[in-house]
Amino acid sequence: MYLTSAAIFLALGTWAQATTIRVVTVGASNGALTFSPNNTQAQAGDVVQFQFMPGNHSVAQADFSSPCMPVAQTQATTSGWWSGFMPMPANPQSMPVFSVPVKDANPVYFYCAQSNHCQSGMVGAINAPTSGSMSVDAFASAAKSAPQNMAPGQTSNSVSSADSSSTATTMATSTTSGSTAVTASSAPPINAASRTLAGVAKQSIYGASLAGLAAFLFL
């Protein structure tokens, strides 16, 4: 029984060390329409965590050939991921986050569906080439001339504009090309540009290990 518990705790520790969070800041304190960084290099198994600054921004997956449009409207086999709009006051008590696990090295493109933010350069990518015809710069250039900026589920042909009272929606898991969407939530942010989950999981793993050891000793 003790060996089984130890094996479980060892597996949990290995998972924690292997999972890396790549932080992308959505918007900026000065109001700039940016994702920072706008091109995140990540490995399969990493998690890209979008952290929302004050304003009312969103993150929606797009196809490279159709910037400022939800990928589900251009690819019949891909539902894509969507954070919902995240209205944030100037001095928030907590920071909403939206996390996307990366499943492979294929490039994934995204944009902010608010107003004309996409056309204004608020676009980004995961694992896009750093140069050439599929780079994030090329995606941003194409977005400038996009005829509309649409949020998932929107049917209007005009530039999208979210109501300031919009709230984040909980997303169901959906398979995409390169990543899997998970839930949007409000939580204390991870302040490093890249870090592992080992620090986050360490206390719970150690606590569970001690509990397991105590249970074994009293058997």
Protein backbone atom coordinates (compact mmCIF):
# COMPACT_ATOMS: atom_id res chain seq x y z
CA MET A 1 0.00 0.00 0.00
CA TYR A 2 2.89 2.35 0.86
CA LEU A 3 4.67 1.65 -2.44
CA THR A 4 1.51 2.35 -4.39
CA SER A 5 1.03 5.71 -2.67
CA ALA A 6 4.67 6.61 -3.23
CA ALA A 7 4.35 5.79 -6.91
CA ILE A 8 1.30 8.03 -7.19
CA PHE A 9 3.04 10.94 -5.48
CA LEU A 10 6.11 10.46 -7.69
CA ALA A 11 3.91 10.61 -10.78
CA LEU A 12 2.25 13.79 -9.53
CA GLY A 13 5.60 15.37 -8.90
CA THR A 14 6.83 14.42 -12.38
CA TRP A 15 3.69 15.97 -13.94
CA ALA A 16 4.15 19.18 -11.98
CA GLN A 17 7.76 19.54 -13.07
CA ALA A 18 6.93 18.82 -16.72
CA THR A 19 4.10 21.33 -17.16
CA THR A 20 5.20 24.84 -18.13
CA ILE A 21 2.91 27.87 -18.16
CA ARG A 22 3.55 30.49 -20.86
CA VAL A 23 1.96 33.80 -19.89
CA VAL A 24 0.47 36.17 -22.47
CA THR A 25 -0.72 39.58 -21.26
CA VAL A 26 -3.93 40.74 -22.93
CA GLY A 27 -3.99 44.51 -23.30
CA ALA A 28 -1.78 46.86 -21.31
CA SER A 29 -2.01 49.24 -18.37
CA ASN A 30 -1.55 52.17 -20.76
CA GLY A 31 -4.44 51.01 -22.95
CA ALA A 32 -2.31 49.66 -25.80
CA LEU A 33 -4.07 47.07 -27.98
CA THR A 34 -1.54 44.28 -27.71
CA PHE A 35 -0.89 40.69 -26.77
CA SER A 36 2.48 40.44 -25.07
CA PRO A 37 4.29 38.48 -26.30
CA ASN A 38 2.39 38.34 -29.57
CA ASN A 39 4.05 35.07 -30.60
CA THR A 40 4.54 32.45 -27.91
CA GLN A 41 6.82 29.50 -28.55
CA ALA A 42 5.51 26.50 -26.62
CA GLN A 43 5.98 22.76 -26.55
CA ALA A 44 3.33 20.06 -26.44
CA GLY A 45 2.11 19.80 -22.85
CA ASP A 46 2.73 23.47 -22.05
CA VAL A 47 -0.15 25.74 -21.05
CA VAL A 48 -0.60 29.22 -22.51
CA GLN A 49 -2.27 31.42 -19.90
CA PHE A 50 -3.87 34.67 -21.07
CA GLN A 51 -3.96 37.31 -18.32
CA PHE A 52 -6.38 40.21 -18.87
CA MET A 53 -5.42 43.80 -18.15
CA PRO A 54 -7.98 46.61 -17.51
CA GLY A 55 -10.32 47.21 -20.44
CA ASN A 56 -12.69 44.82 -22.17
CA HIS A 57 -10.75 42.36 -24.28
CA SER A 58 -11.14 38.79 -25.44
CA VAL A 59 -9.18 35.99 -27.08
CA ALA A 60 -10.64 34.04 -30.00
CA GLN A 61 -8.94 31.46 -32.17
CA ALA A 62 -8.76 32.27 -35.88
CA ASP A 63 -7.53 30.66 -39.06
CA PHE A 64 -4.50 32.36 -40.60
CA SER A 65 -6.32 32.89 -43.88
CA SER A 66 -9.29 34.61 -42.17
CA PRO A 67 -8.09 37.01 -39.46
CA CYS A 68 -10.68 38.65 -37.20
CA MET A 69 -13.11 35.76 -37.71
CA PRO A 70 -13.73 32.73 -35.44
CA VAL A 71 -11.98 29.64 -36.73
CA ALA A 72 -15.26 27.69 -36.48
CA GLN A 73 -16.70 29.83 -39.27
CA THR A 74 -13.87 29.01 -41.65
CA GLN A 75 -12.99 25.42 -40.67
CA ALA A 76 -15.85 22.97 -40.43
CA THR A 77 -13.82 20.47 -38.37
CA THR A 78 -12.50 22.94 -35.76
CA SER A 79 -14.65 24.53 -33.07
CA GLY A 80 -11.81 26.68 -31.74
CA TRP A 81 -11.55 28.40 -28.37
CA TRP A 82 -12.97 31.64 -27.08
CA SER A 83 -12.46 33.37 -23.74
CA GLY A 84 -15.56 35.52 -23.83
CA PHE A 85 -15.24 39.27 -23.18
CA MET A 86 -13.41 40.17 -19.98
CA PRO A 87 -14.46 43.64 -18.72
CA MET A 88 -11.88 44.85 -16.22
CA PRO A 89 -11.92 48.04 -14.09
CA ALA A 90 -8.87 50.30 -13.84
CA ASN A 91 -7.86 48.89 -10.45
CA PRO A 92 -8.99 45.26 -10.36
CA GLN A 93 -8.85 43.14 -7.22
CA SER A 94 -8.03 40.04 -9.25
CA MET A 95 -7.03 39.25 -12.79
CA PRO A 96 -9.12 36.98 -15.05
CA VAL A 97 -7.13 34.29 -16.82
CA PHE A 98 -7.90 31.99 -19.72
CA SER A 99 -5.73 28.91 -20.20
CA VAL A 100 -5.08 26.91 -23.36
CA PRO A 101 -3.07 23.67 -23.16
CA VAL A 102 -0.82 23.15 -26.19
CA LYS A 103 -1.01 19.70 -27.76
CA ASP A 104 1.49 20.04 -30.62
CA ALA A 105 3.85 22.42 -32.42
CA ASN A 106 1.38 23.53 -35.11
CA PRO A 107 0.89 27.31 -35.29
CA VAL A 108 -2.33 28.67 -33.78
CA TYR A 109 -3.54 32.24 -34.39
CA PHE A 110 -5.86 34.39 -32.27
CA TYR A 111 -7.28 37.90 -31.98
CA CYS A 112 -9.33 40.21 -29.78
CA ALA A 113 -12.95 40.35 -30.98
CA GLN A 114 -13.70 43.70 -29.35
CA SER A 115 -14.64 46.61 -31.64
CA ASN A 116 -11.84 47.17 -34.19
CA HIS A 117 -9.08 45.80 -31.94
CA CYS A 118 -8.18 43.03 -34.38
CA GLN A 119 -7.78 45.43 -37.30
CA SER A 120 -5.74 47.69 -35.03
CA GLY A 121 -3.14 44.99 -34.50
CA MET A 122 -4.43 43.12 -31.44
CA VAL A 123 -3.60 39.68 -32.78
CA GLY A 124 -1.20 36.96 -31.75
CA ALA A 125 -0.07 33.41 -32.27
CA ILE A 126 1.28 30.30 -30.63
CA ASN A 127 4.21 28.67 -32.44
CA ALA A 128 4.00 30.86 -35.52
CA PRO A 129 7.16 31.20 -37.65
CA THR A 130 9.22 34.21 -36.68
CA SER A 131 9.38 35.36 -40.31
CA GLY A 132 7.85 34.66 -43.68
CA SER A 133 4.35 34.36 -45.07
CA MET A 134 2.89 32.61 -41.97
CA SER A 135 4.46 34.84 -39.33
CA VAL A 136 2.44 36.77 -36.77
CA ASP A 137 3.50 39.98 -38.55
CA ALA A 138 1.96 38.68 -41.76
CA PHE A 139 -1.20 37.76 -39.84
CA ALA A 140 -1.37 41.26 -38.34
CA SER A 141 -0.87 42.82 -41.76
CA ALA A 142 -3.75 40.80 -43.21
CA ALA A 143 -5.95 41.70 -40.21
CA LYS A 144 -5.65 45.42 -41.02
CA SER A 145 -7.83 44.97 -44.09
CA ALA A 146 -10.31 42.47 -42.58
CA PRO A 147 -13.85 43.66 -43.43
CA GLN A 148 -15.23 42.76 -39.98
CA ASN A 149 -14.23 41.73 -36.48
CA MET A 150 -16.51 38.96 -35.31
CA ALA A 151 -16.85 37.17 -31.99
CA PRO A 152 -17.86 33.50 -31.93
CA GLY A 153 -21.64 33.27 -32.24
CA GLN A 154 -21.97 36.72 -33.72
CA THR A 155 -23.95 37.01 -36.95
CA SER A 156 -23.63 40.73 -37.69
CA ASN A 157 -21.40 41.81 -40.56
CA SER A 158 -20.27 44.90 -38.67
CA VAL A 159 -17.30 45.32 -36.38
CA SER A 160 -18.13 43.66 -33.06
CA SER A 161 -18.69 45.66 -29.91
CA ALA A 162 -19.28 43.95 -26.57
CA ASP A 163 -21.52 45.42 -23.91
CA SER A 164 -19.45 46.66 -21.00
CA SER A 165 -21.42 44.43 -18.67
CA SER A 166 -20.38 41.26 -20.51
CA THR A 167 -18.83 38.63 -18.32
CA ALA A 168 -16.45 35.77 -18.95
CA THR A 169 -18.09 32.52 -19.88
CA THR A 170 -16.96 29.06 -18.85
CA MET A 171 -15.72 27.23 -21.91
CA ALA A 172 -16.31 23.56 -22.62
CA THR A 173 -13.22 21.62 -23.68
CA SER A 174 -12.90 21.47 -27.45
CA THR A 175 -10.23 19.93 -29.65
CA THR A 176 -8.40 22.33 -31.94
CA SER A 177 -5.40 22.32 -34.22
CA GLY A 178 -2.58 22.73 -31.77
CA SER A 179 -4.39 23.27 -28.49
CA THR A 180 -7.39 22.50 -26.32
CA ALA A 181 -9.48 25.19 -24.70
CA VAL A 182 -10.20 24.95 -20.99
CA THR A 183 -12.02 27.19 -18.57
CA ALA A 184 -11.89 30.92 -18.12
CA SER A 185 -11.56 31.95 -14.50
CA SER A 186 -10.60 34.74 -12.15
CA ALA A 187 -7.50 33.96 -10.15
CA PRO A 188 -4.27 35.50 -8.89
CA PRO A 189 -2.05 35.65 -11.98
CA ILE A 190 1.29 34.03 -12.55
CA ASN A 191 3.66 36.99 -12.77
CA ALA A 192 6.54 35.35 -14.62
CA ALA A 193 6.66 35.13 -18.39
CA SER A 194 7.24 31.39 -18.09
CA ARG A 195 7.21 29.07 -15.12
CA THR A 196 6.36 25.51 -14.15
CA LEU A 197 3.45 24.28 -12.12
CA ALA A 198 5.83 22.67 -9.65
CA GLY A 199 5.62 25.62 -7.27
CA VAL A 200 1.83 25.73 -7.53
CA ALA A 201 1.41 22.01 -6.95
CA LYS A 202 4.25 21.54 -4.46
CA GLN A 203 2.29 22.26 -1.29
CA SER A 204 -0.66 20.09 -2.26
CA ILE A 205 1.64 17.23 -3.30
CA TYR A 206 3.67 17.44 -0.09
CA GLY A 207 0.51 17.68 1.97
CA ALA A 208 -0.96 14.64 0.27
CA SER A 209 2.35 12.77 0.70
CA LEU A 210 2.38 13.44 4.44
CA ALA A 211 -1.23 12.39 4.73
CA GLY A 212 -0.49 9.18 2.87
CA LEU A 213 2.55 8.46 5.03
CA ALA A 214 0.54 9.10 8.20
CA ALA A 215 -2.16 6.74 7.03
CA PHE A 216 0.44 4.05 6.32
CA LEU A 217 2.09 4.39 9.74
CA PHE A 218 -1.23 3.98 11.52
CA LEU A 219 -2.19 0.84 9.56
